[in-house]
Amino acid sequence: MEVYLIKALQLVICLSILVIIHELGHFMFAKIFKVRVEKFYLFFNPWFSLFKFKPKNSDTEYGLGWLPFGGYVKISGMIDESMDKKALQQPPQPWEFRTKPAWQRLLIMVGGVLMNFLLAFFIYAMIVFAWGEEYIPTKNVKMGFSYNEVFTSAGFKSGDLPITADGVSLADAEANKILLTLMESSTVEVLRDGAIVELQLPQDFAKRNLTQKEFMNMRYPFVIEKVQDKTPAQTAGLLAGDSIVGVNENLHLAGAEISQTLSENKEQQIDLQLYRAGELLTLAITPNEFGKIGVVLRSPFLIYQTVEKHYNLLTAIPAGIRLGWQQITMYISNLKYVFTKEGAQSIGGFGTIGGLFPEVWIWYAFWNLTAFLSIILGVMNLIPIPALDGGHVLFLLVEVVSGRQPSEKFLERAQYIGMFLLIALLIYANGMDIIRAFF
């Protein structure tokens, strides 16, 4: 239960930050162009609000809703989620959205997305400033990778080390970021048992991977960092620094394979093959009822040789922009697969998003994921669906080009359609989470 609470807390705080920043973008541009903002809310507040206040001499009511599905700013003279037709039936006023030039309305609408991208750039800059960059080059992953069924059906084998994709070297690329390159390539060379093997990938390779939960994982040794007290590991005599390489007669196993074998042998005595100070030893051990032996594993960053980069405040800013732009282009590139049958099956809701957060609070992981989700929120809001920012932007661009503003009746109908689509998508995405959890 504690794990779920930690994940839920991270999710709520992360989404709150993203929503406030997004709506602040609309709010700021509205204020710049002297458009009245009637409400600024975190979360939605149908029927009642958890908290609200209106500063003296202010036109804006600030509040906290009870329905945690986002947030909104209510801009005077704009057809939005509130569908306030009564206000639109009044004569247009100079402080209203509808009376402003198209270019000003356009900037107000893109303000939220702009702020999400700027937030991502800022977070990435602060991450590299505080922690620097450390990554494992692909060439240093000596045990290669493990692959899902789609990869293996295309010719990959566990332990293969990708070295080129469509003729481009992957040797110095970050090992955890070569997946997209592989999925969008037609020819891949891998190092297998000391020999180079060329693989021809099917044209629908990336599309077939969309329904998979796992793609490829770095293989690394099962090296013990710490032995916990009163555990099977301590009883068996395991020590920090021991490198387990096999279980019973199965040798040359990676860490994940050993963990899986332990899980399959709950409360059964097995023999561990391990190296200690260069000597191969065999120790008998009985995993507990959960398939665990009570050890903390050494991070692959302490096993494989890494590349480190450090930044001062000035150099961190362009580095943060570079990392953010890489994530934007990667996400947009993947977005085309969402509009396929396989992509639709991979969509998830709040449960899927919450599952991305670690089981313990790690600030690095929290901010890294917050930056990435800020990019997702920004990109998704640009999709030209009525009720999303992208829908409003589309209509405004048409107005700029044609010189004709769509009628309020047309915008109202488009808003209804957009809201229906968004609610249906919300139900579908969270329904998929429920199906995956229980079926």
Protein backbone atom coordinates (compact mmCIF):
# COMPACT_ATOMS: atom_id res chain seq x y z
CA MET A 1 0.00 0.00 0.00
CA GLU A 2 2.85 2.38 0.83
CA VAL A 3 4.28 1.89 -2.67
CA TYR A 4 0.99 2.88 -4.29
CA LEU A 5 0.69 5.95 -2.05
CA ILE A 6 4.21 7.10 -3.00
CA LYS A 7 3.47 6.62 -6.69
CA ALA A 8 0.10 8.39 -6.35
CA LEU A 9 1.65 11.33 -4.49
CA GLN A 10 4.31 11.75 -7.15
CA LEU A 11 1.65 11.61 -9.87
CA VAL A 12 -0.57 14.24 -8.20
CA ILE A 13 2.30 16.65 -7.52
CA CYS A 14 3.71 16.19 -11.03
CA LEU A 15 0.37 16.76 -12.78
CA SER A 16 -0.37 19.74 -10.52
CA ILE A 17 2.89 21.40 -11.56
CA LEU A 18 2.24 20.73 -15.24
CA VAL A 19 -1.35 21.96 -15.17
CA ILE A 20 -0.50 25.16 -13.27
CA ILE A 21 2.36 25.96 -15.65
CA HIS A 22 0.21 25.21 -18.71
CA GLU A 23 -2.68 27.37 -17.58
CA LEU A 24 -0.24 30.08 -16.49
CA GLY A 25 0.85 30.32 -20.13
CA HIS A 26 -2.70 31.15 -21.24
CA PHE A 27 -3.12 33.48 -18.27
CA MET A 28 0.07 35.46 -18.92
CA PHE A 29 -0.63 36.09 -22.59
CA ALA A 30 -4.22 37.03 -21.78
CA LYS A 31 -2.96 39.61 -19.30
CA ILE A 32 -0.39 40.93 -21.78
CA PHE A 33 -3.15 41.63 -24.28
CA LYS A 34 -5.51 42.97 -21.59
CA VAL A 35 -7.99 40.12 -21.85
CA ARG A 36 -9.97 39.48 -18.68
CA VAL A 37 -9.43 36.10 -17.01
CA GLU A 38 -12.44 35.22 -14.85
CA LYS A 39 -11.13 31.99 -13.26
CA PHE A 40 -7.83 30.17 -12.74
CA TYR A 41 -8.37 26.66 -11.39
CA LEU A 42 -6.24 23.65 -10.60
CA PHE A 43 -8.51 20.63 -11.23
CA PHE A 44 -12.09 20.96 -12.38
CA ASN A 45 -14.89 22.15 -10.10
CA PRO A 46 -18.32 21.03 -11.35
CA TRP A 47 -20.98 22.03 -8.78
CA PHE A 48 -18.50 23.09 -6.07
CA SER A 49 -14.87 23.99 -5.30
CA LEU A 50 -12.61 22.75 -2.52
CA PHE A 51 -11.11 26.21 -2.19
CA LYS A 52 -11.44 29.55 -3.92
CA PHE A 53 -10.56 33.19 -3.38
CA LYS A 54 -10.68 36.43 -5.32
CA PRO A 55 -8.10 39.10 -4.45
CA LYS A 56 -9.32 42.63 -3.91
CA ASN A 57 -9.48 44.69 -7.13
CA SER A 58 -8.89 41.53 -9.21
CA ASP A 59 -11.06 40.17 -12.01
CA THR A 60 -9.80 36.62 -11.47
CA GLU A 61 -11.08 33.97 -9.07
CA TYR A 62 -8.41 31.44 -8.09
CA GLY A 63 -9.44 28.02 -6.85
CA LEU A 64 -8.92 24.31 -6.34
CA GLY A 65 -11.42 21.90 -7.86
CA TRP A 66 -12.25 18.41 -6.65
CA LEU A 67 -12.02 16.53 -9.97
CA PRO A 68 -8.28 15.93 -10.58
CA PHE A 69 -8.36 15.65 -14.37
CA GLY A 70 -6.50 18.85 -15.22
CA GLY A 71 -7.32 22.52 -14.76
CA TYR A 72 -8.47 25.57 -16.67
CA VAL A 73 -8.54 29.32 -17.04
CA LYS A 74 -11.87 30.89 -17.97
CA ILE A 75 -11.16 33.72 -20.41
CA SER A 76 -13.87 36.30 -21.02
CA GLY A 77 -15.47 36.11 -24.45
CA MET A 78 -14.04 32.70 -25.35
CA ILE A 79 -15.92 29.51 -26.18
CA ASP A 80 -14.33 26.97 -23.86
CA GLU A 81 -15.17 24.04 -21.55
CA SER A 82 -17.63 26.17 -19.54
CA MET A 83 -19.88 26.64 -22.62
CA ASP A 84 -21.05 29.93 -21.09
CA LYS A 85 -23.48 30.94 -23.85
CA LYS A 86 -25.14 33.63 -21.76
CA ALA A 87 -21.96 35.72 -21.63
CA LEU A 88 -21.45 35.35 -25.39
CA GLN A 89 -24.97 36.67 -26.06
CA GLN A 90 -23.97 40.03 -24.59
CA PRO A 91 -22.44 42.78 -26.77
CA PRO A 92 -18.68 42.24 -27.29
CA GLN A 93 -16.49 44.12 -24.83
CA PRO A 94 -12.93 45.43 -25.38
CA TRP A 95 -11.55 43.17 -22.64
CA GLU A 96 -12.91 39.99 -24.23
CA PHE A 97 -11.00 37.33 -26.14
CA ARG A 98 -13.34 37.53 -29.16
CA THR A 99 -12.61 41.23 -29.76
CA LYS A 100 -8.85 40.84 -29.99
CA PRO A 101 -6.90 40.47 -33.27
CA ALA A 102 -6.38 36.88 -34.48
CA TRP A 103 -2.63 36.98 -33.82
CA GLN A 104 -3.18 37.92 -30.17
CA ARG A 105 -5.77 35.19 -29.73
CA LEU A 106 -3.34 32.76 -31.36
CA LEU A 107 -0.58 33.63 -28.87
CA ILE A 108 -3.01 33.26 -25.96
CA MET A 109 -3.91 29.76 -27.16
CA VAL A 110 -0.33 28.56 -27.74
CA GLY A 111 0.81 30.07 -24.43
CA GLY A 112 0.08 26.88 -22.50
CA VAL A 113 2.05 24.63 -24.84
CA LEU A 114 4.91 27.13 -24.96
CA MET A 115 5.13 27.14 -21.15
CA ASN A 116 5.14 23.32 -21.05
CA PHE A 117 8.08 23.20 -23.44
CA LEU A 118 9.94 25.94 -21.57
CA LEU A 119 9.33 24.09 -18.29
CA ALA A 120 10.79 20.90 -19.77
CA PHE A 121 13.86 22.77 -21.04
CA PHE A 122 14.33 24.39 -17.62
CA ILE A 123 13.98 21.11 -15.71
CA TYR A 124 16.42 19.31 -17.99
CA ALA A 125 18.87 22.20 -17.60
CA MET A 126 18.61 22.01 -13.81
CA ILE A 127 18.98 18.22 -13.88
CA VAL A 128 22.26 18.36 -15.79
CA PHE A 129 23.41 21.28 -13.62
CA ALA A 130 22.69 19.40 -10.38
CA TRP A 131 23.57 15.84 -11.39
CA GLY A 132 25.44 16.19 -14.66
CA GLU A 133 25.05 13.58 -17.35
CA GLU A 134 26.25 10.03 -16.90
CA TYR A 135 25.45 7.30 -19.35
CA ILE A 136 26.66 3.91 -20.49
CA PRO A 137 27.75 3.84 -24.15
CA THR A 138 26.31 0.92 -26.07
CA LYS A 139 29.79 -0.48 -26.78
CA ASN A 140 30.39 -0.91 -23.01
CA VAL A 141 27.36 -3.16 -22.42
CA LYS A 142 29.47 -6.31 -22.50
CA MET A 143 26.57 -8.70 -21.85
CA GLY A 144 24.43 -7.18 -24.61
CA PHE A 145 20.65 -6.83 -24.33
CA SER A 146 17.61 -9.00 -23.81
CA TYR A 147 14.69 -8.56 -26.23
CA ASN A 148 10.94 -9.03 -26.42
CA GLU A 149 9.16 -11.49 -28.73
CA VAL A 150 8.85 -8.99 -31.59
CA PHE A 151 12.61 -8.42 -31.57
CA THR A 152 13.42 -12.13 -31.34
CA SER A 153 10.99 -12.93 -34.18
CA ALA A 154 12.97 -10.42 -36.26
CA GLY A 155 16.20 -12.33 -35.59
CA PHE A 156 17.55 -10.79 -32.38
CA LYS A 157 18.91 -13.11 -29.69
CA SER A 158 19.48 -12.49 -26.01
CA GLY A 159 22.99 -11.13 -25.59
CA ASP A 160 23.15 -9.43 -29.00
CA LEU A 161 24.89 -6.06 -28.91
CA PRO A 162 23.63 -3.65 -31.61
CA ILE A 163 26.58 -1.89 -33.26
CA THR A 164 25.06 -0.17 -36.32
CA ALA A 165 21.59 0.81 -37.54
CA ASP A 166 21.21 1.57 -41.26
CA GLY A 167 24.97 1.97 -41.38
CA VAL A 168 25.16 4.48 -38.51
CA SER A 169 27.38 3.46 -35.58
CA LEU A 170 25.69 2.97 -32.20
CA ALA A 171 28.94 2.38 -30.30
CA ASP A 172 29.02 5.72 -28.49
CA ALA A 173 25.26 6.20 -28.29
CA GLU A 174 23.57 6.11 -24.90
CA ALA A 175 22.58 2.49 -24.34
CA ASN A 176 19.17 3.37 -22.90
CA LYS A 177 18.27 5.54 -25.90
CA ILE A 178 18.96 3.36 -28.92
CA LEU A 179 15.52 1.72 -28.91
CA LEU A 180 13.83 4.26 -31.18
CA THR A 181 16.75 4.13 -33.61
CA LEU A 182 16.45 0.35 -33.85
CA MET A 183 12.68 0.41 -34.25
CA GLU A 184 12.87 2.83 -37.18
CA SER A 185 15.75 1.10 -38.98
CA SER A 186 15.61 -1.45 -41.76
CA THR A 187 19.06 -3.05 -41.31
CA VAL A 188 20.83 -3.62 -38.00
CA GLU A 189 24.21 -5.17 -37.31
CA VAL A 190 24.73 -6.93 -33.98
CA LEU A 191 27.74 -8.41 -32.29
CA ARG A 192 26.94 -12.04 -31.44
CA ASP A 193 29.51 -14.42 -29.94
CA GLY A 194 32.33 -12.28 -31.32
CA ALA A 195 30.95 -12.19 -34.87
CA ILE A 196 28.98 -9.49 -36.70
CA VAL A 197 25.50 -10.57 -37.78
CA GLU A 198 23.29 -8.49 -40.10
CA LEU A 199 19.54 -8.45 -39.48
CA GLN A 200 16.87 -7.26 -41.92
CA LEU A 201 13.92 -5.86 -40.00
CA PRO A 202 10.31 -6.06 -41.27
CA GLN A 203 8.65 -2.85 -42.48
CA ASP A 204 6.04 -2.95 -39.71
CA PHE A 205 8.63 -3.62 -36.99
CA ALA A 206 7.92 -0.44 -34.98
CA LYS A 207 4.17 -0.87 -35.37
CA ARG A 208 4.28 -4.44 -34.04
CA ASN A 209 6.20 -3.29 -30.95
CA LEU A 210 3.50 -0.84 -29.82
CA THR A 211 1.47 -3.46 -27.94
CA GLN A 212 4.53 -4.73 -26.04
CA LYS A 213 5.23 -3.79 -22.42
CA GLU A 214 8.93 -4.59 -22.70
CA PHE A 215 11.19 -3.87 -25.63
CA MET A 216 14.85 -4.43 -24.86
CA ASN A 217 16.76 -4.33 -21.61
CA MET A 218 20.40 -3.97 -20.81
CA ARG A 219 21.93 -7.22 -19.50
CA TYR A 220 24.36 -6.83 -16.62
CA PRO A 221 25.89 -9.14 -13.99
CA PHE A 222 24.17 -10.02 -10.72
CA VAL A 223 26.73 -8.35 -8.45
CA ILE A 224 25.86 -8.02 -4.75
CA GLU A 225 26.27 -4.53 -3.32
CA LYS A 226 24.90 -5.34 0.14
CA VAL A 227 23.69 -8.40 2.03
CA GLN A 228 20.72 -7.70 4.29
CA ASP A 229 20.56 -9.06 7.82
CA LYS A 230 18.60 -12.20 8.71
CA THR A 231 17.99 -13.19 5.11
CA PRO A 232 18.67 -16.34 3.05
CA ALA A 233 21.70 -14.60 1.54
CA GLN A 234 23.29 -14.01 4.95
CA THR A 235 22.49 -17.57 6.05
CA ALA A 236 24.07 -18.99 2.89
CA GLY A 237 27.24 -16.94 3.40
CA LEU A 238 26.97 -14.55 0.46
CA LEU A 239 29.15 -11.43 0.68
CA ALA A 240 29.15 -7.95 -0.85
CA GLY A 241 31.09 -8.10 -4.12
CA ASP A 242 30.03 -11.64 -4.99
CA SER A 243 29.05 -11.97 -8.65
CA ILE A 244 26.44 -14.67 -9.22
CA VAL A 245 26.77 -16.12 -12.71
CA GLY A 246 24.53 -19.18 -12.60
CA VAL A 247 21.84 -21.18 -10.85
CA ASN A 248 22.24 -24.96 -10.58
CA GLU A 249 23.65 -26.04 -13.97
CA ASN A 250 22.68 -22.88 -15.85
CA LEU A 251 25.70 -20.63 -16.23
CA HIS A 252 26.42 -17.26 -17.89
CA LEU A 253 23.15 -15.74 -16.75
CA ALA A 254 22.49 -12.00 -16.50
CA GLY A 255 21.05 -10.34 -13.42
CA ALA A 256 17.43 -10.29 -14.62
CA GLU A 257 17.62 -13.98 -15.58
CA ILE A 258 18.97 -14.91 -12.17
CA SER A 259 16.25 -12.89 -10.43
CA GLN A 260 13.63 -14.68 -12.54
CA THR A 261 15.11 -18.09 -11.68
CA LEU A 262 15.08 -17.25 -7.96
CA SER A 263 11.44 -16.21 -8.24
CA GLU A 264 10.63 -19.56 -9.88
CA ASN A 265 12.25 -21.48 -7.02
CA LYS A 266 10.47 -20.06 -3.98
CA GLU A 267 11.32 -21.98 -0.77
CA GLN A 268 13.33 -24.54 -2.76
CA GLN A 269 17.03 -25.16 -2.23
CA ILE A 270 19.17 -24.32 -5.23
CA ASP A 271 22.89 -23.97 -5.96
CA LEU A 272 24.32 -20.59 -6.85
CA GLN A 273 27.43 -20.39 -9.00
CA LEU A 274 29.40 -17.27 -8.17
CA TYR A 275 32.77 -15.59 -8.49
CA ARG A 276 34.50 -14.31 -5.35
CA ALA A 277 37.97 -12.78 -5.69
CA GLY A 278 38.38 -14.52 -9.05
CA GLU A 279 37.46 -17.97 -7.70
CA LEU A 280 34.35 -19.87 -8.86
CA LEU A 281 32.32 -21.07 -5.85
CA THR A 282 29.05 -22.94 -5.31
CA LEU A 283 26.71 -22.06 -2.43
CA ALA A 284 23.39 -23.66 -1.53
CA ILE A 285 20.54 -21.24 -0.79
CA THR A 286 16.77 -21.32 -0.32
CA PRO A 287 14.87 -18.24 -1.59
CA ASN A 288 12.07 -17.05 0.68
CA GLU A 289 8.34 -17.28 -0.02
CA PHE A 290 8.61 -14.27 -2.34
CA GLY A 291 11.48 -15.69 -4.37
CA LYS A 292 13.96 -13.24 -2.81
CA ILE A 293 17.28 -13.87 -1.10
CA GLY A 294 17.80 -10.50 0.59
CA VAL A 295 20.47 -8.63 -1.33
CA VAL A 296 20.87 -5.16 -2.84
CA LEU A 297 22.28 -5.31 -6.36
CA ARG A 298 25.06 -3.13 -7.70
CA SER A 299 23.91 -0.56 -10.25
CA PRO A 300 25.01 -1.17 -13.86
CA PHE A 301 26.50 2.34 -13.66
CA LEU A 302 29.01 0.89 -11.17
CA ILE A 303 29.66 -2.20 -13.30
CA TYR A 304 30.01 -0.86 -16.83
CA GLN A 305 32.30 2.01 -17.75
CA THR A 306 30.31 5.23 -18.07
CA VAL A 307 30.78 8.60 -19.73
CA GLU A 308 30.31 11.62 -17.48
CA LYS A 309 29.64 15.24 -18.40
CA HIS A 310 29.45 18.12 -15.94
CA TYR A 311 27.93 21.55 -16.52
CA ASN A 312 27.96 24.96 -14.94
CA LEU A 313 24.86 27.13 -14.95
CA LEU A 314 25.63 28.70 -18.35
CA THR A 315 26.44 25.46 -20.16
CA ALA A 316 23.51 23.64 -18.51
CA ILE A 317 20.97 25.85 -20.31
CA PRO A 318 21.83 24.83 -23.90
CA ALA A 319 22.30 21.24 -22.71
CA GLY A 320 18.79 21.30 -21.20
CA ILE A 321 17.34 22.71 -24.42
CA ARG A 322 19.15 20.01 -26.42
CA LEU A 323 17.81 17.21 -24.19
CA GLY A 324 14.31 18.69 -24.28
CA TRP A 325 14.34 19.04 -28.05
CA GLN A 326 15.51 15.43 -28.42
CA GLN A 327 12.56 14.28 -26.33
CA ILE A 328 10.12 16.44 -28.31
CA THR A 329 11.28 15.08 -31.67
CA MET A 330 11.32 11.52 -30.33
CA TYR A 331 7.78 11.79 -28.97
CA ILE A 332 6.42 13.41 -32.14
CA SER A 333 8.11 10.67 -34.18
CA ASN A 334 6.38 8.01 -32.07
CA LEU A 335 3.02 9.80 -32.13
CA LYS A 336 2.24 8.58 -35.63
CA TYR A 337 1.99 5.02 -34.29
CA VAL A 338 -0.75 5.97 -31.80
CA PHE A 339 -3.27 6.24 -34.64
CA THR A 340 -3.00 2.55 -35.47
CA LYS A 341 -4.76 -0.51 -34.06
CA GLU A 342 -1.65 -1.51 -32.15
CA GLY A 343 -1.15 2.03 -30.91
CA ALA A 344 -4.73 2.23 -29.64
CA GLN A 345 -4.14 -0.92 -27.62
CA SER A 346 -1.07 0.63 -25.98
CA ILE A 347 -2.87 3.76 -24.70
CA GLY A 348 -3.04 4.10 -20.93
CA GLY A 349 -4.56 6.46 -18.38
CA PHE A 350 -3.60 7.66 -14.93
CA GLY A 351 -2.67 4.15 -13.82
CA THR A 352 -0.16 3.82 -16.64
CA ILE A 353 1.31 7.25 -15.93
CA GLY A 354 1.50 6.56 -12.19
CA GLY A 355 3.27 3.28 -12.88
CA LEU A 356 6.13 5.18 -14.50
CA PHE A 357 7.17 6.69 -11.17
CA PRO A 358 9.61 4.73 -8.95
CA GLU A 359 8.46 2.93 -5.81
CA VAL A 360 10.58 5.21 -3.64
CA TRP A 361 10.93 8.97 -3.88
CA ILE A 362 13.99 9.76 -6.01
CA TRP A 363 14.24 13.43 -6.94
CA TYR A 364 16.25 12.76 -10.09
CA ALA A 365 13.63 10.32 -11.38
CA PHE A 366 10.74 12.60 -10.35
CA TRP A 367 12.07 15.67 -12.16
CA ASN A 368 13.17 13.68 -15.21
CA LEU A 369 9.70 12.18 -15.58
CA THR A 370 8.03 15.54 -14.88
CA ALA A 371 10.01 17.12 -17.73
CA PHE A 372 9.05 14.30 -20.11
CA LEU A 373 5.37 14.46 -19.14
CA SER A 374 5.47 18.23 -19.67
CA ILE A 375 6.59 17.55 -23.24
CA ILE A 376 3.82 14.98 -23.70
CA LEU A 377 1.22 17.45 -22.39
CA GLY A 378 2.53 20.13 -24.72
CA VAL A 379 2.58 17.92 -27.82
CA MET A 380 -0.82 16.35 -27.12
CA ASN A 381 -2.40 19.77 -26.69
CA LEU A 382 -1.23 20.70 -30.19
CA ILE A 383 -3.31 17.91 -31.76
CA PRO A 384 -5.99 19.76 -33.80
CA ILE A 385 -9.00 18.43 -31.91
CA PRO A 386 -11.72 20.93 -30.88
CA ALA A 387 -11.55 21.56 -27.08
CA LEU A 388 -7.77 21.13 -27.16
CA ASP A 389 -5.48 24.09 -27.71
CA GLY A 390 -4.60 22.63 -31.10
CA GLY A 391 -8.23 22.84 -32.20
CA HIS A 392 -8.43 26.53 -31.31
CA VAL A 393 -5.08 27.13 -33.01
CA LEU A 394 -6.30 25.42 -36.19
CA PHE A 395 -9.39 27.62 -36.39
CA LEU A 396 -7.29 30.73 -35.73
CA LEU A 397 -4.80 29.80 -38.45
CA VAL A 398 -7.68 29.35 -40.88
CA GLU A 399 -8.95 32.79 -39.85
CA VAL A 400 -5.51 34.36 -40.35
CA VAL A 401 -5.21 32.85 -43.83
CA SER A 402 -8.79 33.42 -44.98
CA GLY A 403 -9.47 36.65 -43.12
CA ARG A 404 -12.82 35.25 -41.96
CA GLN A 405 -13.64 34.35 -38.35
CA PRO A 406 -15.70 31.16 -37.81
CA SER A 407 -19.17 31.81 -36.44
CA GLU A 408 -19.81 31.37 -32.72
CA LYS A 409 -22.38 28.67 -33.55
CA PHE A 410 -19.74 26.69 -35.43
CA LEU A 411 -17.24 27.08 -32.57
CA GLU A 412 -19.86 25.96 -30.04
CA ARG A 413 -20.62 22.79 -32.00
CA ALA A 414 -16.93 22.09 -32.51
CA GLN A 415 -16.38 22.50 -28.75
CA TYR A 416 -19.13 19.99 -27.98
CA ILE A 417 -17.63 17.48 -30.40
CA GLY A 418 -14.15 18.01 -28.97
CA MET A 419 -15.34 17.59 -25.38
CA PHE A 420 -17.14 14.37 -26.33
CA LEU A 421 -13.98 13.02 -27.97
CA LEU A 422 -11.82 13.94 -24.97
CA ILE A 423 -14.21 12.35 -22.46
CA ALA A 424 -14.41 9.21 -24.61
CA LEU A 425 -10.59 9.09 -24.82
CA LEU A 426 -10.32 9.55 -21.04
CA ILE A 427 -12.74 6.70 -20.41
CA TYR A 428 -11.00 4.48 -22.97
CA ALA A 429 -7.48 5.13 -21.65
CA ASN A 430 -8.38 4.47 -18.02
CA GLY A 431 -10.54 1.53 -19.05
CA MET A 432 -7.49 -0.01 -20.73
CA ASP A 433 -5.64 0.35 -17.41
CA ILE A 434 -8.41 -1.58 -15.66
CA ILE A 435 -8.44 -4.30 -18.32
CA ARG A 436 -4.66 -4.74 -18.09
CA ALA A 437 -4.82 -4.88 -14.28
CA PHE A 438 -7.55 -7.51 -13.97
CA PHE A 439 -7.57 -9.49 -17.23
